Structures are given as C-alpha cells and as structure tokens.
Amino acid sequence: MSKKQDAIYFDNFIACAQYASQAAQLLKEIFHSFDPSHMSQWADQLHEIEHAADKKRHAMTDKLAKAFITPIEREDIADLSGSIDTLVDKLEEVCIRLYIHNIQSIRTGAMNMLDVVIRSCEEVCHLMEEFADFRHSKKLKDYIIKINSLEEESDRLFIANMRELHVTQLDIHEVLAWEEIYTYLEKCADACEEIADQVENIVMKNS
C-alpha cells in the first residue's frame, strides 16, 4: 500500500481528534461565559461539531470497507475511530446535561474537570499527529503517559467534587444534576485514556 493511501486513515484520526478538541474548547467558552438563555444555541453549535466528526468517521468507514490492504488491522482502525467518535459524543453529552437540567451557573469543580479534559484532548491530538510514524516515533509513549496521568487527575477531581455535593447543603435536584455532569466530564477523560490505550496496543502488535 502506498504512503498516500496509508495517510488517509491517519489523517482521518487527526481530523476527528481535532473535532474533539474543538468541542472541548467550545465547552470552555460555555463554562466561562455561561448564560442559561444561550444554552440552546450552544447545544446546536456543539452538535454541529459532533455531526461533522460523524461524517468524517463514516467517510473512513466507507474507505475501509473497500480497501484491500490497510496499514494496521481493519479492526484496530475501526475501534480507534470509534473511540475518538465516543470522545466527541461524551463532550456533547456534557452540554446536553447542562441544557436539560436547566443549570443556572457553573460550579468551580466542573471548570477544574473541564480543564483536565481540554488538556487531555490536546494530548490526543498530539498523539494522533505522531501515530502515523508510530514505528519510529520517540514521542508517542510520552503522549500516552501524559493522557493516563491526566485521567488519574480527573479521577481525583471527580471524587472530590462528588463528595462536595454530598457535604454541602444543596437542593436534591441540583445534586442529581451535577452528579450527572461530573460523571460525563469524567467519561470524557476516560475516553481519552481509552484512545491512548488502544494506540499503545496497536504499537505493541505492530512492533
């Protein structure tokens, strides 16, 4: 298979990871300039990003179905593509939860968790940019380790934030709403780690 044909898959991984980073940055804008009256508009904007990522993934799936030879196993390409898509989906779910729970202000704990998610998405972008040269890359392992470390940081924040919800005098609806939002922020970090773990496994299988 030619280098140009190989690049189609790796370029698609990069593009989809960039959509995830774009979605995370939009969430940052939402969190920092929060206005409940704008939530419907923001949700539409984030859905447009998610839809564009879906289209990109479907284009690669179509290409994969017709390919005779692939640079790595078909199942690995499909699984990794699916995991990046899951990341974008979870980012959109955070926005949806803000909307359906009619959140009126953003808690500091959520901002801290989102900061970790944003950094994780940025590292996923770096990881995908390096992935095409995985057989010779000297940076790939560092990106994987960084993403794993950020997921551990997200775990710590999640536990601290969930405890705060239950030791602070809050309305039960607010507790339940924020439990769900924190959970989806944690799922975003988990999705980044899943991508890193899959890349690590692919490298091991092809080394």
C-alpha atoms as a PDB file:
ATOM      1  CA  MET A   1       0.000   0.000   0.000  1.00  0.00           C
ATOM      2  CA  SER A   2       1.295   3.443  -0.878  1.00  0.00           C
ATOM      3  CA  LYS A   3       2.148   6.052   1.711  1.00  0.00           C
ATOM      4  CA  LYS A   4      -0.578   8.244   0.261  1.00  0.00           C
ATOM      5  CA  GLN A   5      -3.214   5.551   0.784  1.00  0.00           C
ATOM      6  CA  ASP A   6      -1.954   4.912   4.319  1.00  0.00           C
ATOM      7  CA  ALA A   7      -2.202   8.612   5.103  1.00  0.00           C
ATOM      8  CA  ILE A   8      -5.960   8.610   4.525  1.00  0.00           C
ATOM      9  CA  TYR A   9      -6.505   6.676   7.756  1.00  0.00           C
ATOM     10  CA  PHE A  10      -4.025   8.584   9.895  1.00  0.00           C
ATOM     11  CA  ASP A  11      -5.195  11.954   8.569  1.00  0.00           C
ATOM     12  CA  ASN A  12      -8.740  10.963   9.444  1.00  0.00           C
ATOM     13  CA  PHE A  13      -7.708  10.122  13.019  1.00  0.00           C
ATOM     14  CA  ILE A  14      -6.091  13.556  13.275  1.00  0.00           C
ATOM     15  CA  ALA A  15      -9.140  15.352  11.880  1.00  0.00           C
ATOM     16  CA  CYS A  16     -11.537  13.575  14.240  1.00  0.00           C
ATOM     17  CA  ALA A  17      -9.286  14.284  17.230  1.00  0.00           C
ATOM     18  CA  GLN A  18      -9.274  17.937  16.237  1.00  0.00           C
ATOM     19  CA  TYR A  19     -13.073  17.923  16.287  1.00  0.00           C
ATOM     20  CA  ALA A  20     -12.893  16.616  19.853  1.00  0.00           C
ATOM     21  CA  SER A  21     -10.512  19.408  20.818  1.00  0.00           C
ATOM     22  CA  GLN A  22     -12.791  21.922  19.108  1.00  0.00           C
ATOM     23  CA  ALA A  23     -15.765  20.599  21.100  1.00  0.00           C
ATOM     24  CA  ALA A  24     -13.780  20.864  24.350  1.00  0.00           C
ATOM     25  CA  GLN A  25     -12.849  24.460  23.556  1.00  0.00           C
ATOM     26  CA  LEU A  26     -16.487  25.303  22.896  1.00  0.00           C
ATOM     27  CA  LEU A  27     -17.370  23.826  26.284  1.00  0.00           C
ATOM     28  CA  LYS A  28     -14.720  26.099  27.799  1.00  0.00           C
ATOM     29  CA  GLU A  29     -16.398  29.102  26.170  1.00  0.00           C
ATOM     30  CA  ILE A  30     -19.759  27.924  27.500  1.00  0.00           C
ATOM     31  CA  PHE A  31     -18.428  27.431  31.028  1.00  0.00           C
ATOM     32  CA  HIS A  32     -16.616  30.751  31.221  1.00  0.00           C
ATOM     33  CA  SER A  33     -19.283  32.942  29.633  1.00  0.00           C
ATOM     34  CA  PHE A  34     -22.215  30.953  30.928  1.00  0.00           C
ATOM     35  CA  ASP A  35     -25.693  32.247  30.222  1.00  0.00           C
ATOM     36  CA  PRO A  36     -28.635  29.806  30.518  1.00  0.00           C
ATOM     37  CA  SER A  37     -30.529  31.703  27.818  1.00  0.00           C
ATOM     38  CA  HIS A  38     -27.807  30.800  25.300  1.00  0.00           C
ATOM     39  CA  MET A  39     -27.750  27.076  26.056  1.00  0.00           C
ATOM     40  CA  SER A  40     -29.973  26.026  23.162  1.00  0.00           C
ATOM     41  CA  GLN A  41     -27.756  27.893  20.698  1.00  0.00           C
ATOM     42  CA  TRP A  42     -24.579  26.473  22.227  1.00  0.00           C
ATOM     43  CA  ALA A  43     -26.025  22.967  22.151  1.00  0.00           C
ATOM     44  CA  ASP A  44     -26.717  23.383  18.440  1.00  0.00           C
ATOM     45  CA  GLN A  45     -23.144  24.554  17.831  1.00  0.00           C
ATOM     46  CA  LEU A  46     -21.696  21.577  19.662  1.00  0.00           C
ATOM     47  CA  HIS A  47     -23.998  19.220  17.779  1.00  0.00           C
ATOM     48  CA  GLU A  48     -22.680  20.633  14.500  1.00  0.00           C
ATOM     49  CA  ILE A  49     -19.152  19.680  15.598  1.00  0.00           C
ATOM     50  CA  GLU A  50     -20.336  16.204  16.594  1.00  0.00           C
ATOM     51  CA  HIS A  51     -22.130  15.806  13.247  1.00  0.00           C
ATOM     52  CA  ALA A  52     -19.020  16.861  11.304  1.00  0.00           C
ATOM     53  CA  ALA A  53     -16.956  14.328  13.254  1.00  0.00           C
ATOM     54  CA  ASP A  54     -19.523  11.632  12.450  1.00  0.00           C
ATOM     55  CA  LYS A  55     -19.336  12.439   8.737  1.00  0.00           C
ATOM     56  CA  LYS A  56     -15.546  12.228   8.845  1.00  0.00           C
ATOM     57  CA  ARG A  57     -15.692   8.860  10.570  1.00  0.00           C
ATOM     58  CA  HIS A  58     -18.266   7.493   8.096  1.00  0.00           C
ATOM     59  CA  ALA A  59     -16.054   8.558   5.202  1.00  0.00           C
ATOM     60  CA  MET A  60     -13.206   6.492   6.613  1.00  0.00           C
ATOM     61  CA  THR A  61     -15.519   3.548   7.302  1.00  0.00           C
ATOM     62  CA  ASP A  62     -16.551   3.585   3.650  1.00  0.00           C
ATOM     63  CA  LYS A  63     -12.904   3.703   2.587  1.00  0.00           C
ATOM     64  CA  LEU A  64     -12.040   0.869   4.957  1.00  0.00           C
ATOM     65  CA  ALA A  65     -14.815  -1.342   3.580  1.00  0.00           C
ATOM     66  CA  LYS A  66     -13.346  -1.078   0.065  1.00  0.00           C
ATOM     67  CA  ALA A  67      -9.650  -1.327   0.989  1.00  0.00           C
ATOM     68  CA  PHE A  68      -7.686  -4.449   0.053  1.00  0.00           C
ATOM     69  CA  ILE A  69      -4.684  -3.729   2.269  1.00  0.00           C
ATOM     70  CA  THR A  70      -4.576  -1.477   5.345  1.00  0.00           C
ATOM     71  CA  PRO A  71      -1.564  -0.094   7.263  1.00  0.00           C
ATOM     72  CA  ILE A  72      -2.786  -1.703  10.507  1.00  0.00           C
ATOM     73  CA  GLU A  73      -5.530  -4.262  11.126  1.00  0.00           C
ATOM     74  CA  ARG A  74      -9.012  -3.272   9.996  1.00  0.00           C
ATOM     75  CA  GLU A  75     -10.448  -3.963  13.445  1.00  0.00           C
ATOM     76  CA  ASP A  76      -7.891  -1.636  15.040  1.00  0.00           C
ATOM     77  CA  ILE A  77      -8.716   1.148  12.602  1.00  0.00           C
ATOM     78  CA  ALA A  78     -12.439   0.742  13.223  1.00  0.00           C
ATOM     79  CA  ASP A  79     -12.048   0.509  17.004  1.00  0.00           C
ATOM     80  CA  LEU A  80      -9.776   3.539  17.272  1.00  0.00           C
ATOM     81  CA  SER A  81     -12.057   5.559  15.028  1.00  0.00           C
ATOM     82  CA  GLY A  82     -14.986   4.533  17.215  1.00  0.00           C
ATOM     83  CA  SER A  83     -13.196   5.589  20.388  1.00  0.00           C
ATOM     84  CA  ILE A  84     -12.423   9.057  19.022  1.00  0.00           C
ATOM     85  CA  ASP A  85     -16.078   9.347  17.992  1.00  0.00           C
ATOM     86  CA  THR A  86     -17.104   8.342  21.521  1.00  0.00           C
ATOM     87  CA  LEU A  87     -14.974  11.158  22.922  1.00  0.00           C
ATOM     88  CA  VAL A  88     -16.783  13.730  20.779  1.00  0.00           C
ATOM     89  CA  ASP A  89     -20.128  12.219  21.806  1.00  0.00           C
ATOM     90  CA  LYS A  90     -19.300  12.479  25.519  1.00  0.00           C
ATOM     91  CA  LEU A  91     -18.256  16.107  25.133  1.00  0.00           C
ATOM     92  CA  GLU A  92     -21.610  16.842  23.524  1.00  0.00           C
ATOM     93  CA  GLU A  93     -23.352  14.988  26.360  1.00  0.00           C
ATOM     94  CA  VAL A  94     -21.865  17.424  28.884  1.00  0.00           C
ATOM     95  CA  CYS A  95     -23.501  20.292  27.013  1.00  0.00           C
ATOM     96  CA  ILE A  96     -26.790  18.405  26.745  1.00  0.00           C
ATOM     97  CA  ARG A  97     -26.803  17.801  30.506  1.00  0.00           C
ATOM     98  CA  LEU A  98     -26.312  21.499  31.208  1.00  0.00           C
ATOM     99  CA  TYR A  99     -29.298  22.192  28.996  1.00  0.00           C
ATOM    100  CA  ILE A 100     -31.763  19.531  30.159  1.00  0.00           C
ATOM    101  CA  HIS A 101     -31.032  20.173  33.858  1.00  0.00           C
ATOM    102  CA  ASN A 102     -31.539  23.909  33.325  1.00  0.00           C
ATOM    103  CA  ILE A 103     -28.229  24.712  35.040  1.00  0.00           C
ATOM    104  CA  GLN A 104     -28.084  28.367  36.111  1.00  0.00           C
ATOM    105  CA  SER A 105     -24.392  28.695  36.975  1.00  0.00           C
ATOM    106  CA  ILE A 106     -21.221  26.624  36.582  1.00  0.00           C
ATOM    107  CA  ARG A 107     -19.553  25.157  39.643  1.00  0.00           C
ATOM    108  CA  THR A 108     -15.812  25.642  40.111  1.00  0.00           C
ATOM    109  CA  GLY A 109     -15.350  21.880  40.319  1.00  0.00           C
ATOM    110  CA  ALA A 110     -16.759  21.475  36.819  1.00  0.00           C
ATOM    111  CA  MET A 111     -14.396  24.118  35.458  1.00  0.00           C
ATOM    112  CA  ASN A 112     -11.452  22.260  37.009  1.00  0.00           C
ATOM    113  CA  MET A 113     -12.552  18.961  35.496  1.00  0.00           C
ATOM    114  CA  LEU A 114     -13.099  20.556  32.093  1.00  0.00           C
ATOM    115  CA  ASP A 115      -9.580  21.998  32.199  1.00  0.00           C
ATOM    116  CA  VAL A 116      -8.239  18.446  32.531  1.00  0.00           C
ATOM    117  CA  VAL A 117     -10.469  17.282  29.668  1.00  0.00           C
ATOM    118  CA  ILE A 118      -9.229  20.102  27.431  1.00  0.00           C
ATOM    119  CA  ARG A 119      -5.612  19.197  28.137  1.00  0.00           C
ATOM    120  CA  SER A 120      -6.399  15.522  27.522  1.00  0.00           C
ATOM    121  CA  CYS A 121      -7.976  16.338  24.146  1.00  0.00           C
ATOM    122  CA  GLU A 122      -4.931  18.381  23.194  1.00  0.00           C
ATOM    123  CA  GLU A 123      -2.689  15.436  24.052  1.00  0.00           C
ATOM    124  CA  VAL A 124      -4.920  13.131  21.981  1.00  0.00           C
ATOM    125  CA  CYS A 125      -4.373  15.487  19.033  1.00  0.00           C
ATOM    126  CA  HIS A 126      -0.599  15.303  19.550  1.00  0.00           C
ATOM    127  CA  LEU A 127      -0.870  11.517  19.836  1.00  0.00           C
ATOM    128  CA  MET A 128      -2.768  11.216  16.553  1.00  0.00           C
ATOM    129  CA  GLU A 129      -0.327  13.531  14.770  1.00  0.00           C
ATOM    130  CA  GLU A 130       2.522  11.270  15.883  1.00  0.00           C
ATOM    131  CA  PHE A 131       0.671   7.990  15.282  1.00  0.00           C
ATOM    132  CA  ALA A 132       1.344   7.769  11.538  1.00  0.00           C
ATOM    133  CA  ASP A 133       5.052   7.356  12.327  1.00  0.00           C
ATOM    134  CA  PHE A 134       4.484   5.046  15.289  1.00  0.00           C
ATOM    135  CA  ARG A 135       7.234   2.628  14.277  1.00  0.00           C
ATOM    136  CA  HIS A 136       9.891   5.351  14.607  1.00  0.00           C
ATOM    137  CA  SER A 137       8.311   7.885  16.941  1.00  0.00           C
ATOM    138  CA  LYS A 138      10.178   8.859  20.091  1.00  0.00           C
ATOM    139  CA  LYS A 139       7.275  10.964  21.424  1.00  0.00           C
ATOM    140  CA  LEU A 140       4.347   8.558  21.252  1.00  0.00           C
ATOM    141  CA  LYS A 141       4.995   6.945  24.641  1.00  0.00           C
ATOM    142  CA  ASP A 142       5.234  10.342  26.336  1.00  0.00           C
ATOM    143  CA  TYR A 143       1.826  11.360  24.994  1.00  0.00           C
ATOM    144  CA  ILE A 144       0.295   8.094  26.189  1.00  0.00           C
ATOM    145  CA  ILE A 145       1.762   8.528  29.672  1.00  0.00           C
ATOM    146  CA  LYS A 146       0.556  12.137  29.818  1.00  0.00           C
ATOM    147  CA  ILE A 147      -3.001  11.158  28.887  1.00  0.00           C
ATOM    148  CA  ASN A 148      -3.003   8.409  31.515  1.00  0.00           C
ATOM    149  CA  SER A 149      -1.752  10.887  34.140  1.00  0.00           C
ATOM    150  CA  LEU A 150      -4.479  13.373  33.216  1.00  0.00           C
ATOM    151  CA  GLU A 151      -7.113  10.664  33.592  1.00  0.00           C
ATOM    152  CA  GLU A 152      -5.836   9.995  37.120  1.00  0.00           C
ATOM    153  CA  GLU A 153      -6.070  13.719  37.849  1.00  0.00           C
ATOM    154  CA  SER A 154      -9.641  13.670  36.554  1.00  0.00           C
ATOM    155  CA  ASP A 155     -10.432  10.746  38.877  1.00  0.00           C
ATOM    156  CA  ARG A 156      -9.189  12.705  41.889  1.00  0.00           C
ATOM    157  CA  LEU A 157     -11.231  15.767  40.947  1.00  0.00           C
ATOM    158  CA  PHE A 158     -14.311  13.641  40.323  1.00  0.00           C
ATOM    159  CA  ILE A 159     -14.136  12.081  43.785  1.00  0.00           C
ATOM    160  CA  ALA A 160     -13.542  15.458  45.461  1.00  0.00           C
ATOM    161  CA  ASN A 161     -16.379  17.114  43.544  1.00  0.00           C
ATOM    162  CA  MET A 162     -18.838  14.310  44.211  1.00  0.00           C
ATOM    163  CA  ARG A 163     -18.047  14.441  47.927  1.00  0.00           C
ATOM    164  CA  GLU A 164     -18.540  18.206  47.975  1.00  0.00           C
ATOM    165  CA  LEU A 165     -22.012  17.737  46.509  1.00  0.00           C
ATOM    166  CA  HIS A 166     -22.970  15.492  49.401  1.00  0.00           C
ATOM    167  CA  VAL A 167     -21.486  17.541  52.248  1.00  0.00           C
ATOM    168  CA  THR A 168     -22.884  20.873  51.037  1.00  0.00           C
ATOM    169  CA  GLN A 169     -26.464  21.919  51.667  1.00  0.00           C
ATOM    170  CA  LEU A 170     -27.855  21.758  48.129  1.00  0.00           C
ATOM    171  CA  ASP A 171     -31.247  21.145  46.608  1.00  0.00           C
ATOM    172  CA  ILE A 172     -31.632  17.454  45.692  1.00  0.00           C
ATOM    173  CA  HIS A 173     -32.273  18.333  42.030  1.00  0.00           C
ATOM    174  CA  GLU A 174     -29.018  20.283  41.927  1.00  0.00           C
ATOM    175  CA  VAL A 175     -27.138  17.358  43.476  1.00  0.00           C
ATOM    176  CA  LEU A 176     -28.525  14.883  40.942  1.00  0.00           C
ATOM    177  CA  ALA A 177     -27.882  17.258  38.033  1.00  0.00           C
ATOM    178  CA  TRP A 178     -24.275  17.895  38.963  1.00  0.00           C
ATOM    179  CA  GLU A 179     -23.627  14.229  39.697  1.00  0.00           C
ATOM    180  CA  GLU A 180     -24.535  13.532  36.083  1.00  0.00           C
ATOM    181  CA  ILE A 181     -22.485  16.429  34.680  1.00  0.00           C
ATOM    182  CA  TYR A 182     -19.418  15.412  36.699  1.00  0.00           C
ATOM    183  CA  THR A 183     -19.891  11.823  35.525  1.00  0.00           C
ATOM    184  CA  TYR A 184     -19.895  12.854  31.861  1.00  0.00           C
ATOM    185  CA  LEU A 185     -16.825  15.039  32.343  1.00  0.00           C
ATOM    186  CA  GLU A 186     -15.118  12.007  33.847  1.00  0.00           C
ATOM    187  CA  LYS A 187     -16.279   9.898  30.880  1.00  0.00           C
ATOM    188  CA  CYS A 188     -14.549  12.394  28.575  1.00  0.00           C
ATOM    189  CA  ALA A 189     -11.243  11.847  30.376  1.00  0.00           C
ATOM    190  CA  ASP A 190     -11.845   8.082  30.315  1.00  0.00           C
ATOM    191  CA  ALA A 191     -12.463   8.248  26.552  1.00  0.00           C
ATOM    192  CA  CYS A 192      -9.108   9.980  26.063  1.00  0.00           C
ATOM    193  CA  GLU A 193      -7.381   7.266  28.076  1.00  0.00           C
ATOM    194  CA  GLU A 194      -9.131   4.579  26.022  1.00  0.00           C
ATOM    195  CA  ILE A 195      -7.716   6.146  22.847  1.00  0.00           C
ATOM    196  CA  ALA A 196      -4.225   6.198  24.343  1.00  0.00           C
ATOM    197  CA  ASP A 197      -4.518   2.574  25.475  1.00  0.00           C
ATOM    198  CA  GLN A 198      -5.668   1.468  22.020  1.00  0.00           C
ATOM    199  CA  VAL A 199      -2.761   3.235  20.350  1.00  0.00           C
ATOM    200  CA  GLU A 200      -0.363   1.581  22.783  1.00  0.00           C
ATOM    201  CA  ASN A 201      -1.837  -1.843  21.981  1.00  0.00           C
ATOM    202  CA  ILE A 202      -1.637  -1.206  18.224  1.00  0.00           C
ATOM    203  CA  VAL A 203       2.020  -0.231  18.538  1.00  0.00           C
ATOM    204  CA  MET A 204       2.787  -3.395  20.504  1.00  0.00           C
ATOM    205  CA  LYS A 205       1.024  -5.576  17.939  1.00  0.00           C
ATOM    206  CA  ASN A 206       2.895  -3.980  15.034  1.00  0.00           C
ATOM    207  CA  SER A 207       6.389  -3.696  16.521  1.00  0.00           C
END
